Amino acid sequence: MKERILLFTLVFGLGVFIYIFQSYFNTVWGLALLCTFMFIYAMFMNLSYKLQKRKLQKYPQIINENFKPFVSIMIPAHNEEAVISNTVNNILNLDYKNFEIIVIDDRSTDNTASVIKDLEKKYDKVTALIREKNAFPGKSAVLNDAFKIAKGDAILVFDADATVDPDFLSKLIPYLEPKDVGAVQARKVIRNKNVNLLTRCQNNEYTMDAHFQIGRDSIKGAVELRGNGELIKREAIEDIGGWNNYTLVDDLDMSTRLHIKGWDVRFCMEAIVYEEGIIYLRPLYRQRRRWLEGTIRRYLEYFGDVLFSKDMSLRASLDMTAYITQFIMPGWFLMEILIRGFKVLAKQAPPHMLYSSIFIGCIIGFGFFFAARYALRRYDYMPRLDATFEALETSIYLFIIWFPLVLYICFKILFMKKDMNWGKTAHGLVKEEEDSIKAFIKKELNKTKAYTKEYTDKLKQMLAEK
């Protein structure tokens, strides 16, 4: 109810502001001012990153080789028999030796539990945790259960489809050493990015996110955890009371609570965790719906804490407030268009006022295009033409995916009952697709063999008759 009341107040207030002040001022300038603020903030982050990079080149970071905390690697798995074995075997190849792996079967209906038990028998570093069928659902509850038996001074969380390079932990660990740092997030990359348009756009989306995370890290802003490849101090987890069982986004919820408690969260670009991109549109929408709903509810839930926390740094608070504008903008833009459209139809305003709003919308779209192209050039080293084309298709993808979802989630929070539908991401679809293709090829080869044999038999018969 608190979330609903707060969101209603924000939406109603924004609508009243736009409707009333359109009679006295050109509220397009409000959107223009918001765009200008976002542009200046983006340039500030970019400048901070360059200054930080120059400083590190002049005074390289001194790595404490004695800082080798014991790490508990926790991997939740729900119906993941297709990928979990490969993930565990990959992680066992880490060159950082001081770790354990806890693989958790979360009420699976396939053979995941059996696979996990076999891995426990095979490897000393692996512990299997099988949750009861009536256990509390959700990734947060899974991690809280695993945390009870974890021995590590730091907790590393992976998704069931994660793969990393052997030096992953060696690159990540030094970022966690400072006393004020509570967690570190690795860069995420789509492993199967070349499968189709969706996976390519997802990878480009992740590259954009990494670009913004680097900027937020460089100004000591509110860097966010991303669920896969997050390393968290035990002390920090205990300080905030563990994971929140009632959130849709365990990682973002924890990020916010860490910042509110005064912990710094870092971003490590050098450590990369590879995950499987979603190759079909419907499960992609389901995943993004959960992410976005959890994100908006998280901001609404901790709105007061972010504003009035005594422990949260001013930089993190301002950065988080600035980041919220990306969720305000779709609603603002839609209200702007609808109200202006109504006034134009009612002949209360000239048509060019509507065109000016649409023009500002195009500028917003160009801003995302420019950010995508810049990120692809800097971090994925794409040629100019390729970066331009992929930035354009990624901008269209972001508009189609995120814009309607923001509006839908706001409507859902306002008028629908809250549910805890996590919208689980299906893993192993790439393998399923490969198996399907192999089966098709095998079928066609068998057909070809049958036709060849039939033709050969007829030819032999004709030769015998002659």
Protein backbone atom coordinates (compact mmCIF):
# COMPACT_ATOMS: atom_id res chain seq x y z
CA MET A 1 0.00 0.00 0.00
CA LYS A 2 2.90 2.36 0.78
CA GLU A 3 4.30 1.86 -2.72
CA ARG A 4 0.87 2.44 -4.31
CA ILE A 5 0.22 5.66 -2.38
CA LEU A 6 3.67 7.07 -3.12
CA LEU A 7 3.50 6.23 -6.82
CA PHE A 8 -0.02 7.67 -7.09
CA THR A 9 1.20 10.88 -5.44
CA LEU A 10 4.12 11.14 -7.87
CA VAL A 11 2.03 10.40 -10.97
CA PHE A 12 -0.85 12.66 -9.91
CA GLY A 13 1.54 15.47 -9.01
CA LEU A 14 3.35 15.18 -12.33
CA GLY A 15 0.06 15.17 -14.25
CA VAL A 16 -1.24 18.26 -12.41
CA PHE A 17 2.08 20.03 -12.96
CA ILE A 18 2.01 19.38 -16.70
CA TYR A 19 -1.68 20.22 -17.18
CA ILE A 20 -1.73 23.47 -15.16
CA PHE A 21 1.61 24.88 -16.17
CA GLN A 22 1.01 24.20 -19.85
CA SER A 23 -1.50 27.06 -19.61
CA TYR A 24 1.19 29.48 -18.45
CA PHE A 25 4.51 28.06 -19.61
CA ASN A 26 5.81 25.82 -22.36
CA THR A 27 6.40 22.65 -20.34
CA VAL A 28 8.45 21.22 -23.19
CA TRP A 29 11.21 23.22 -21.57
CA GLY A 30 10.76 20.99 -18.52
CA LEU A 31 11.59 17.94 -20.62
CA ALA A 32 14.40 19.85 -22.28
CA LEU A 33 15.77 20.78 -18.85
CA LEU A 34 15.59 17.13 -17.74
CA CYS A 35 17.47 16.06 -20.90
CA THR A 36 20.07 18.76 -20.28
CA PHE A 37 20.53 17.62 -16.69
CA MET A 38 21.00 14.01 -17.83
CA PHE A 39 23.50 15.11 -20.50
CA ILE A 40 25.55 17.20 -18.05
CA TYR A 41 25.52 14.36 -15.51
CA ALA A 42 26.67 11.87 -18.17
CA MET A 43 29.50 14.19 -19.20
CA PHE A 44 30.48 14.64 -15.54
CA MET A 45 30.71 10.86 -15.07
CA ASN A 46 32.71 10.49 -18.29
CA LEU A 47 35.15 13.21 -17.23
CA SER A 48 35.51 11.64 -13.78
CA TYR A 49 36.29 8.27 -15.37
CA LYS A 50 38.99 9.77 -17.58
CA LEU A 51 40.57 11.58 -14.64
CA GLN A 52 40.46 8.39 -12.56
CA LYS A 53 42.05 6.42 -15.42
CA ARG A 54 44.80 9.01 -15.82
CA LYS A 55 45.45 8.94 -12.08
CA LEU A 56 45.74 5.13 -12.09
CA GLN A 57 48.19 5.28 -14.99
CA LYS A 58 50.34 7.69 -13.02
CA TYR A 59 49.88 5.97 -9.67
CA PRO A 60 48.94 2.30 -10.30
CA GLN A 61 46.82 0.55 -7.69
CA ILE A 62 48.94 -1.40 -5.21
CA ILE A 63 47.47 -4.87 -4.79
CA ASN A 64 47.82 -6.47 -1.39
CA GLU A 65 48.87 -10.03 -2.21
CA ASN A 66 48.13 -11.07 1.38
CA PHE A 67 44.44 -10.23 1.05
CA LYS A 68 43.06 -13.68 0.23
CA PRO A 69 39.72 -14.05 2.02
CA PHE A 70 37.95 -17.40 1.93
CA VAL A 71 35.13 -17.12 -0.61
CA SER A 72 31.86 -19.04 -0.57
CA ILE A 73 30.55 -19.29 -4.12
CA MET A 74 26.78 -19.75 -4.08
CA ILE A 75 24.86 -20.94 -7.18
CA PRO A 76 21.06 -21.14 -6.95
CA ALA A 77 19.55 -23.62 -9.41
CA HIS A 78 15.89 -24.18 -10.25
CA ASN A 79 15.35 -26.71 -13.08
CA GLU A 80 18.90 -26.19 -14.35
CA GLU A 81 19.98 -29.76 -15.17
CA ALA A 82 20.99 -28.65 -18.70
CA VAL A 83 23.63 -26.14 -17.55
CA ILE A 84 24.55 -26.55 -13.87
CA SER A 85 27.21 -29.22 -14.34
CA ASN A 86 29.06 -27.14 -16.94
CA THR A 87 28.90 -24.07 -14.67
CA VAL A 88 30.36 -25.87 -11.66
CA ASN A 89 33.13 -27.47 -13.70
CA ASN A 90 34.02 -24.09 -15.15
CA ILE A 91 34.20 -22.41 -11.72
CA LEU A 92 36.37 -25.19 -10.32
CA ASN A 93 39.09 -24.03 -12.76
CA LEU A 94 39.54 -20.70 -10.96
CA ASP A 95 43.18 -19.94 -10.20
CA TYR A 96 42.11 -18.50 -6.82
CA LYS A 97 42.27 -21.57 -4.58
CA ASN A 98 40.72 -20.30 -1.34
CA PHE A 99 37.05 -21.02 -2.01
CA GLU A 100 34.13 -23.41 -1.66
CA ILE A 101 31.11 -23.92 -3.93
CA ILE A 102 27.57 -24.27 -2.56
CA VAL A 103 25.11 -25.37 -5.22
CA ILE A 104 21.47 -25.01 -4.15
CA ASP A 105 18.62 -26.95 -5.71
CA ASP A 106 15.58 -24.73 -5.31
CA ARG A 107 12.58 -27.08 -5.48
CA SER A 108 13.39 -28.32 -9.00
CA THR A 109 11.01 -30.64 -10.84
CA ASP A 110 13.70 -32.01 -13.17
CA ASN A 111 16.95 -33.87 -12.36
CA THR A 112 18.83 -30.83 -11.01
CA ALA A 113 19.02 -32.25 -7.47
CA SER A 114 20.49 -35.51 -8.73
CA VAL A 115 23.10 -33.69 -10.83
CA ILE A 116 24.09 -31.51 -7.87
CA LYS A 117 24.47 -34.52 -5.56
CA ASP A 118 26.72 -36.20 -8.12
CA LEU A 119 28.88 -33.07 -8.27
CA GLU A 120 29.18 -33.08 -4.46
CA LYS A 121 30.39 -36.69 -4.51
CA LYS A 122 32.88 -35.95 -7.28
CA TYR A 123 34.49 -32.74 -5.93
CA ASP A 124 35.63 -31.90 -2.39
CA LYS A 125 35.03 -28.17 -2.89
CA VAL A 126 31.36 -28.66 -3.81
CA THR A 127 28.51 -28.78 -1.28
CA ALA A 128 24.96 -29.63 -2.35
CA LEU A 129 22.04 -27.96 -0.60
CA ILE A 130 18.63 -29.41 -1.49
CA ARG A 131 15.70 -27.22 -0.42
CA GLU A 132 12.39 -28.71 0.66
CA LYS A 133 9.49 -28.54 -1.81
CA ASN A 134 7.53 -26.29 0.55
CA ALA A 135 10.43 -23.89 1.15
CA PHE A 136 9.90 -20.14 0.70
CA PRO A 137 10.27 -19.34 -3.02
CA GLY A 138 12.66 -16.89 -4.62
CA LYS A 139 16.38 -16.34 -5.10
CA SER A 140 16.71 -14.23 -1.95
CA ALA A 141 15.36 -17.05 0.22
CA VAL A 142 17.72 -19.49 -1.52
CA LEU A 143 20.74 -17.29 -0.79
CA ASN A 144 19.69 -16.78 2.84
CA ASP A 145 19.49 -20.55 3.32
CA ALA A 146 22.91 -21.07 1.73
CA PHE A 147 24.41 -18.22 3.78
CA LYS A 148 23.65 -20.16 6.97
CA ILE A 149 26.13 -22.89 5.99
CA ALA A 150 28.62 -20.72 4.09
CA LYS A 151 32.08 -20.48 5.64
CA GLY A 152 33.41 -17.58 3.57
CA ASP A 153 34.42 -14.09 4.64
CA ALA A 154 33.02 -13.06 1.26
CA ILE A 155 30.10 -14.42 -0.76
CA LEU A 156 30.25 -14.70 -4.55
CA VAL A 157 26.90 -15.25 -6.31
CA PHE A 158 26.61 -16.80 -9.76
CA ASP A 159 23.60 -17.65 -11.90
CA ALA A 160 23.29 -21.29 -12.93
CA ASP A 161 24.44 -20.53 -16.51
CA ALA A 162 27.54 -18.48 -15.59
CA THR A 163 31.01 -19.10 -16.99
CA VAL A 164 34.20 -17.18 -16.15
CA ASP A 165 37.89 -17.11 -16.97
CA PRO A 166 40.33 -18.68 -14.46
CA ASP A 167 41.59 -15.27 -13.23
CA PHE A 168 38.06 -13.95 -12.51
CA LEU A 169 38.34 -13.96 -8.70
CA SER A 170 41.94 -12.77 -8.73
CA LYS A 171 40.79 -9.63 -10.56
CA LEU A 172 37.69 -9.11 -8.41
CA ILE A 173 39.10 -9.67 -4.90
CA PRO A 174 41.37 -6.54 -4.67
CA TYR A 175 38.35 -4.25 -5.12
CA LEU A 176 36.79 -5.67 -1.95
CA GLU A 177 39.72 -4.93 0.39
CA PRO A 178 38.95 -1.31 1.51
CA LYS A 179 36.99 -1.19 4.77
CA ASP A 180 34.15 0.91 3.38
CA VAL A 181 33.59 -1.39 0.37
CA GLY A 182 30.74 -3.82 0.93
CA ALA A 183 30.45 -5.40 -2.50
CA VAL A 184 31.90 -5.56 -6.02
CA GLN A 185 30.09 -6.26 -9.28
CA ALA A 186 31.79 -7.86 -12.31
CA ARG A 187 31.01 -6.95 -15.91
CA LYS A 188 28.35 -9.14 -17.55
CA VAL A 189 28.65 -10.27 -21.17
CA ILE A 190 26.25 -12.32 -23.28
CA ARG A 191 27.97 -15.54 -24.28
CA ASN A 192 25.71 -16.31 -27.26
CA LYS A 193 25.42 -12.74 -28.54
CA ASN A 194 25.71 -13.76 -32.19
CA VAL A 195 22.68 -16.08 -32.21
CA ASN A 196 20.09 -13.51 -33.29
CA LEU A 197 19.01 -9.87 -33.05
CA LEU A 198 17.70 -10.24 -29.48
CA THR A 199 20.91 -11.68 -28.05
CA ARG A 200 22.99 -9.07 -29.88
CA CYS A 201 20.87 -6.24 -28.48
CA GLN A 202 21.01 -7.75 -24.98
CA ASN A 203 24.79 -7.78 -25.13
CA ASN A 204 24.85 -4.17 -26.34
CA GLU A 205 22.46 -3.29 -23.52
CA TYR A 206 24.89 -4.87 -21.05
CA THR A 207 27.75 -2.89 -22.60
CA MET A 208 25.77 0.33 -22.09
CA ASP A 209 25.08 -0.69 -18.51
CA ALA A 210 28.80 -1.33 -17.93
CA HIS A 211 29.51 2.15 -19.30
CA PHE A 212 27.11 3.75 -16.82
CA GLN A 213 28.37 1.55 -13.96
CA ILE A 214 31.96 2.65 -14.66
CA GLY A 215 30.84 6.27 -14.58
CA ARG A 216 28.97 5.79 -11.30
CA ASP A 217 31.99 3.99 -9.83
CA SER A 218 34.34 6.81 -10.84
CA ILE A 219 32.30 9.39 -8.87
CA LYS A 220 31.73 6.96 -5.96
CA GLY A 221 28.04 6.93 -6.81
CA ALA A 222 25.37 4.27 -6.30
CA VAL A 223 26.88 1.38 -8.26
CA GLU A 224 24.40 -1.51 -8.44
CA LEU A 225 24.80 -5.26 -8.12
CA ARG A 226 23.57 -7.35 -11.03
CA GLY A 227 22.93 -10.75 -9.43
CA ASN A 228 25.43 -12.68 -11.53
CA GLY A 229 29.09 -12.16 -10.62
CA GLU A 230 28.54 -10.14 -7.42
CA LEU A 231 31.06 -10.43 -4.56
CA ILE A 232 29.83 -9.29 -1.13
CA LYS A 233 31.54 -9.09 2.27
CA ARG A 234 30.00 -11.27 4.97
CA GLU A 235 30.19 -8.30 7.35
CA ALA A 236 28.12 -6.18 4.95
CA ILE A 237 25.50 -8.91 4.47
CA GLU A 238 25.13 -9.32 8.21
CA ASP A 239 24.94 -5.55 8.67
CA ILE A 240 21.84 -5.25 6.45
CA GLY A 241 20.22 -8.46 7.71
CA GLY A 242 20.80 -10.67 4.65
CA TRP A 243 18.76 -10.76 1.47
CA ASN A 244 15.19 -9.47 1.37
CA ASN A 245 12.88 -12.47 0.80
CA TYR A 246 10.04 -10.23 -0.38
CA THR A 247 11.73 -8.48 -3.28
CA LEU A 248 11.60 -9.39 -6.97
CA VAL A 249 15.18 -8.22 -7.52
CA ASP A 250 17.54 -9.50 -4.82
CA ASP A 251 20.59 -7.77 -6.31
CA LEU A 252 19.12 -4.26 -6.72
CA ASP A 253 17.39 -4.43 -3.35
CA MET A 254 20.66 -5.38 -1.65
CA SER A 255 22.54 -2.64 -3.52
CA THR A 256 20.16 0.02 -2.21
CA ARG A 257 20.24 -1.26 1.37
CA LEU A 258 24.05 -1.40 1.30
CA HIS A 259 24.23 2.23 0.17
CA ILE A 260 21.67 3.31 2.78
CA LYS A 261 23.86 1.69 5.45
CA GLY A 262 26.90 3.60 4.17
CA TRP A 263 28.65 0.76 2.32
CA ASP A 264 30.38 1.51 -0.98
CA VAL A 265 29.73 -0.77 -3.97
CA ARG A 266 32.41 -1.00 -6.66
CA PHE A 267 32.40 -2.09 -10.30
CA CYS A 268 35.20 -4.20 -11.80
CA MET A 269 35.39 -3.96 -15.59
CA GLU A 270 38.28 -6.41 -15.88
CA ALA A 271 36.44 -9.38 -14.33
CA ILE A 272 33.89 -10.73 -16.82
CA VAL A 273 31.08 -13.20 -16.19
CA TYR A 274 29.50 -14.72 -19.28
CA GLU A 275 25.85 -15.68 -19.29
CA GLU A 276 23.30 -16.97 -21.76
CA GLY A 277 21.18 -14.40 -23.57
CA ILE A 278 17.48 -15.06 -24.12
CA ILE A 279 16.76 -15.97 -27.74
CA TYR A 280 12.95 -15.63 -27.69
CA LEU A 281 10.87 -12.47 -27.22
CA ARG A 282 8.26 -13.72 -24.73
CA PRO A 283 10.71 -14.97 -22.03
CA LEU A 284 12.75 -11.80 -22.56
CA TYR A 285 9.72 -9.63 -21.80
CA ARG A 286 8.96 -11.81 -18.75
CA GLN A 287 12.48 -11.36 -17.41
CA ARG A 288 12.59 -7.62 -18.05
CA ARG A 289 9.13 -7.20 -16.49
CA ARG A 290 10.42 -8.74 -13.25
CA TRP A 291 13.56 -6.59 -13.33
CA LEU A 292 11.66 -3.39 -13.93
CA GLU A 293 8.89 -4.07 -11.42
CA GLY A 294 11.45 -4.91 -8.77
CA THR A 295 13.45 -1.80 -9.62
CA ILE A 296 10.50 0.60 -9.36
CA ARG A 297 9.15 -1.04 -6.19
CA ARG A 298 12.62 -0.87 -4.70
CA TYR A 299 12.82 2.89 -5.29
CA LEU A 300 9.36 3.39 -3.83
CA GLU A 301 10.08 1.23 -0.78
CA TYR A 302 13.36 2.94 0.13
CA PHE A 303 12.43 6.45 -1.06
CA GLY A 304 12.48 7.96 2.43
CA ASP A 305 15.63 6.09 3.48
CA VAL A 306 17.53 7.35 0.44
CA LEU A 307 16.53 10.95 1.19
CA PHE A 308 17.12 10.92 4.95
CA SER A 309 19.77 8.24 5.62
CA LYS A 310 22.53 9.49 7.91
CA ASP A 311 24.97 6.83 6.70
CA MET A 312 24.44 7.06 2.93
CA SER A 313 26.96 9.31 1.19
CA LEU A 314 25.68 12.45 -0.50
CA ARG A 315 27.24 11.34 -3.79
CA ALA A 316 25.43 8.01 -3.75
CA SER A 317 22.14 9.70 -2.80
CA LEU A 318 22.40 12.28 -5.62
CA ASP A 319 23.51 9.63 -8.11
CA MET A 320 20.57 7.36 -7.24
CA THR A 321 18.16 10.30 -7.53
CA ALA A 322 19.58 11.18 -10.95
CA TYR A 323 19.29 7.58 -12.08
CA ILE A 324 15.56 7.54 -11.25
CA THR A 325 14.92 10.08 -14.03
CA GLN A 326 15.09 7.30 -16.62
CA PHE A 327 11.92 5.83 -15.08
CA ILE A 328 10.17 9.20 -14.71
CA MET A 329 10.81 10.21 -18.31
CA PRO A 330 8.49 7.69 -20.10
CA GLY A 331 5.53 8.69 -17.94
CA TRP A 332 6.32 12.40 -18.31
CA PHE A 333 6.67 12.09 -22.07
CA LEU A 334 3.40 10.14 -22.44
CA MET A 335 1.47 12.67 -20.30
CA GLU A 336 3.01 15.51 -22.29
CA ILE A 337 1.89 14.00 -25.59
CA LEU A 338 -1.61 13.04 -24.38
CA ILE A 339 -2.39 16.40 -22.79
CA ARG A 340 -1.02 18.36 -25.73
CA GLY A 341 -2.83 16.09 -28.18
CA PHE A 342 -6.10 16.68 -26.32
CA LYS A 343 -5.57 20.44 -26.35
CA VAL A 344 -4.72 20.45 -30.05
CA LEU A 345 -7.88 18.45 -30.86
CA ALA A 346 -9.92 20.80 -28.68
CA LYS A 347 -8.26 23.75 -30.46
CA GLN A 348 -6.89 25.02 -27.17
CA ALA A 349 -3.31 24.90 -28.47
CA PRO A 350 -1.62 25.17 -31.89
CA PRO A 351 -0.36 21.94 -33.55
CA HIS A 352 3.29 23.04 -33.39
CA MET A 353 3.17 22.60 -29.59
CA LEU A 354 2.58 18.88 -30.11
CA TYR A 355 5.40 18.69 -32.64
CA SER A 356 7.80 20.29 -30.18
CA SER A 357 7.05 17.54 -27.62
CA ILE A 358 7.69 14.85 -30.25
CA PHE A 359 10.94 16.61 -31.16
CA ILE A 360 12.10 16.45 -27.53
CA GLY A 361 11.23 12.74 -27.56
CA CYS A 362 13.50 12.28 -30.58
CA ILE A 363 16.30 14.06 -28.71
CA ILE A 364 15.87 11.62 -25.80
CA GLY A 365 16.09 8.72 -28.25
CA PHE A 366 19.23 10.21 -29.79
CA GLY A 367 20.77 10.44 -26.32
CA PHE A 368 20.37 6.68 -25.83
CA PHE A 369 21.69 6.07 -29.36
CA PHE A 370 24.78 8.17 -28.69
CA ALA A 371 25.41 6.44 -25.34
CA ALA A 372 25.09 3.01 -26.96
CA ARG A 373 27.44 3.89 -29.83
CA TYR A 374 29.98 5.42 -27.45
CA ALA A 375 29.93 2.33 -25.21
CA LEU A 376 30.28 -0.09 -28.13
CA ARG A 377 33.24 1.85 -29.51
CA ARG A 378 35.00 2.16 -26.14
CA TYR A 379 34.44 -1.25 -24.56
CA ASP A 380 33.70 -3.64 -27.45
CA TYR A 381 36.12 -1.89 -29.85
CA MET A 382 33.61 -1.92 -32.71
CA PRO A 383 34.37 -0.21 -36.04
CA ARG A 384 32.52 3.10 -36.48
CA LEU A 385 29.98 1.84 -39.01
CA ASP A 386 29.19 -1.35 -37.09
CA ALA A 387 28.85 0.59 -33.83
CA THR A 388 26.49 3.08 -35.49
CA PHE A 389 24.25 0.37 -36.94
CA GLU A 390 24.14 -1.72 -33.75
CA ALA A 391 23.56 1.38 -31.59
CA LEU A 392 20.57 2.25 -33.77
CA GLU A 393 18.99 -1.20 -33.53
CA THR A 394 19.75 -1.33 -29.78
CA SER A 395 18.03 2.05 -29.26
CA ILE A 396 14.94 0.74 -31.07
CA TYR A 397 15.13 -2.46 -28.99
CA LEU A 398 15.33 -0.45 -25.74
CA PHE A 399 12.35 1.67 -26.77
CA ILE A 400 10.24 -1.39 -27.65
CA ILE A 401 11.20 -3.31 -24.49
CA TRP A 402 11.51 -0.70 -21.75
CA PHE A 403 9.13 2.14 -22.66
CA PRO A 404 5.87 0.12 -22.62
CA LEU A 405 7.05 -1.90 -19.62
CA VAL A 406 7.59 1.22 -17.49
CA LEU A 407 4.01 2.29 -18.21
CA TYR A 408 2.63 -1.20 -17.60
CA ILE A 409 4.48 -1.65 -14.30
CA CYS A 410 3.28 1.73 -13.04
CA PHE A 411 -0.29 0.71 -13.95
CA LYS A 412 0.21 -2.66 -12.21
CA ILE A 413 1.50 -1.11 -8.99
CA LEU A 414 -1.36 1.39 -8.93
CA PHE A 415 -4.28 -0.89 -9.76
CA MET A 416 -3.29 -4.55 -9.45
CA LYS A 417 -2.46 -6.83 -6.54
CA LYS A 418 1.22 -7.38 -5.81
CA ASP A 419 2.44 -10.88 -6.61
CA MET A 420 5.77 -12.63 -6.18
CA ASN A 421 5.99 -14.00 -9.72
CA TRP A 422 9.73 -14.13 -10.32
CA GLY A 423 9.43 -14.93 -14.04
CA LYS A 424 12.32 -17.38 -14.04
CA THR A 425 14.79 -17.05 -16.90
CA ALA A 426 15.00 -20.23 -18.94
CA HIS A 427 18.59 -21.45 -19.38
CA GLY A 428 19.86 -24.06 -21.77
CA LEU A 429 17.79 -22.77 -24.69
CA VAL A 430 20.91 -22.47 -26.82
CA LYS A 431 21.69 -26.13 -26.25
CA GLU A 432 18.05 -26.97 -26.97
CA GLU A 433 18.25 -25.01 -30.23
CA GLU A 434 21.50 -26.73 -31.21
CA ASP A 435 20.01 -30.15 -30.48
CA SER A 436 16.97 -29.25 -32.59
CA ILE A 437 19.16 -28.20 -35.51
CA LYS A 438 21.26 -31.38 -35.22
CA ALA A 439 18.10 -33.50 -35.17
CA PHE A 440 16.83 -31.70 -38.27
CA ILE A 441 20.13 -32.23 -40.12
CA LYS A 442 20.19 -35.90 -39.13
CA LYS A 443 16.61 -36.32 -40.39
CA GLU A 444 17.43 -34.68 -43.72
CA LEU A 445 20.57 -36.81 -44.10
CA ASN A 446 18.54 -39.96 -43.51
CA LYS A 447 16.07 -38.82 -46.17
CA THR A 448 18.93 -38.21 -48.58
CA LYS A 449 20.38 -41.65 -47.89
CA ALA A 450 16.96 -43.24 -48.47
CA TYR A 451 16.49 -41.38 -51.78
CA THR A 452 20.03 -42.29 -52.86
CA LYS A 453 19.49 -45.96 -52.05
CA GLU A 454 16.16 -45.98 -53.90
CA TYR A 455 17.71 -44.33 -56.96
CA THR A 456 20.70 -46.73 -56.88
CA ASP A 457 18.43 -49.77 -56.66
CA LYS A 458 16.37 -48.57 -59.65
CA LEU A 459 19.53 -47.90 -61.64
CA LYS A 460 20.87 -51.38 -60.87
CA GLN A 461 17.53 -52.89 -61.90
CA MET A 462 17.57 -50.99 -65.21
CA LEU A 463 21.12 -52.09 -65.94
CA ALA A 464 20.24 -55.71 -65.12
CA GLU A 465 17.22 -55.63 -67.51
CA LYS A 466 19.42 -54.37 -70.35
